[in-house]
Amino acid sequence: MAKAFPDELVFVPLGGVGEIGMNMGAYGFGPRNARKWIVVDCGVTFAGPSQPGIELIMADPTFLEDNADDVLALILTHSHEDHYGAVLDLWPAFDRPVYATDFTAAMLTAKRAADNIVDNVAIRRMVVGQPFTVGPFTVEAINVAHSIPESCALAITTSIGRVIHTGDWKLDPNPTGNAPTDEKRLAELGAEGVPTALICDSTNALKDGTSPSEEAVAANLAELIASAPHRVAITTFASNVGRLIAVARAAEQAGRQVVMSGRAMHRISTIARELGMMEGIAPFLDQDAFKTLPRNKIVVLCTGSQGEARAAVARIARGEHPAIDLNAGDRMIFSSWAIPGNEREVIDLQNMFIDRGIEIVTQNDRLVHTTGHPRREELKRMYDLVKPQTLVPVHGEAAHLEAHAALGRQHGIENVVHARNGDMVRLFPDVSHFPGEVRTGELYLDGNILCTPDESGVKERRRLSFGGHIVVSLCVNGSGQVVSGPDVSIEGLPQVEDDDESVDALVRGVVNGTLKSIPPKRRSDPELVDSALQRAVRGEVNAWWGKKPNVTVFVHRI
């Protein structure tokens, strides 16, 4: 009789462990040959310069697809793009429920409408403090402070052990528009004596101390708004409802009205109002009200804190906004930080304002933005609250993860696991680490198409961006005579007007010379002509330019 395998609880990170963004993790329970799975978060990251034309990047769900019959549900910790942005792209194929708080569910619904997404998911309401059962898992959402409403840690309990999956969090005693992290409930769970593993945010594990409070940011914004002689404009993350509330309160105290510009801000503030999160906050005015207000009685809230070219703040900076303009002496506050990769765009925006005599205030000048993630003293406090026997650092690049792991060891945590995407970590009944156990990777959203990096054509786009493109087309007959062409098209190469010979003349010369050098009988072979012209054009242009262009040759035999 075959020996039965014992029940195990395992964790498999599919994204967000070894990188910032694209968070997605799976928990499996049962014997190794019959596990049931729940998934926590399903996020995206943004493409960088090395992925031209790609909108979003998300975790490859192949491992989950291979186990689709045993995948029970997706549970969302909060509605930042790096935690929920891929749900409508990936999850409809699984036909399994999505558990989310009211705010996150409303954000998903609004996202589907705004992006004209046809596919939908079945959303089940998740309420903080009310445990629910999914197969062998009992899940309880615990409120944590973060930079978006209704952020949750998850207590995931099974018959052999418990996981505290923190999501994104910080210990802010006075968040704006949000409840603080429920340290009391975390301490109660820690005191129960259940074997516990902590899967914990590492984003700020390199930073000492504690994260500044939203209360301090709100106080600074209030002072900056009150002291401004003329207009004040503020850009921040649209999802930071607490920051929107802080600006609204500060504007009211200063006798100013808030004009809002940007679809994302309007959408999110509407959701917050409908859910009762902005009681007592005066309605925001639309951008059309801008010209009706005195210069010293207005605060503009606008999207585009990351330098997005089409967002409100970029259009204001360029003087192209249809309703809003700033003048010398006005004050522009960047109540945000530049996500890595966006620094150049944000600096360029700030310089545009400076060139126009507009005062710029950033986090380098005053505390006008704070993180939503824990620093080292907050991490230690979390360890003390939940008393984990095992720590798995997640949500971070290698430097963040290793710093977090070292801190956990220094604090006396018995088992610290250095996991990466695609590893399998057995948490209970004992701890084991199986690197590279499952397939993981990335999917690109390219326009309306979801594809693998190999399918995306990005490699060819990079080549085109570096070397331009030369196309040569001609027709030859059976005798090797050129009966049409050669026609030449050149894109992306330098056109130097004062040069002795233009690139167009250079290419035409080498094409004609190469054709003449091929005996007529051999010119009737399209493959031979193609190869000869490619080599000749690439070589001659490389000698002139110092770079090898991309060359495509069409030889038509008629």
Foldseek 3Di string as FASTA:
>chain_A
DDDFAFKFWKKFWQDFFQAFFQGKIKIWIDGPVQTAIEMEFWAWDADFPLQPQFGIKHKDCVVCVVVLVRYAEYEYQAADRRGHVCCLVPPLVSQHEYEDALLNVLVQVVVCVVVVRDGDHHYDHADAPDWDDTVQWIKHWFDAFFQAERGTWIWIDGPQAIETEGGFHFQAPDFALYHHGPLVVLLVQQVVPGAYEYAFELAAAVDDDWWDHVVQLLVVLLVVLLPQPFEEEEEEPLRRVRLVLSNQVSLVVNQAAEEEFFPSNVSSVVSCVVVPSNPPRDDHHYLQCVVVDGGSRYYYYWYQLLLPCPTDLNCQLVVNDPRDHDAASYEYESLYDHDPNSVVSNVVSVVSCVVRNYHYHYCVHPNNYIGRHTYLVRLLSSCVRNVHLEYEYGNDRPVSRVSSQVSCVVSPRNYYDSAGRQKMWTDPPHTDIGHNPGDMAMWTCRPPDIGHPVPPCSVVVVQCQVAWEKEWEFEAEQQQDTPGDRDIDTPDDDADPPDPDGLVRQLVVQLVVQSVVDPSNCSLPQVVSQVSSQVRSQVSVCVVPVHGHHYGYHYHYD
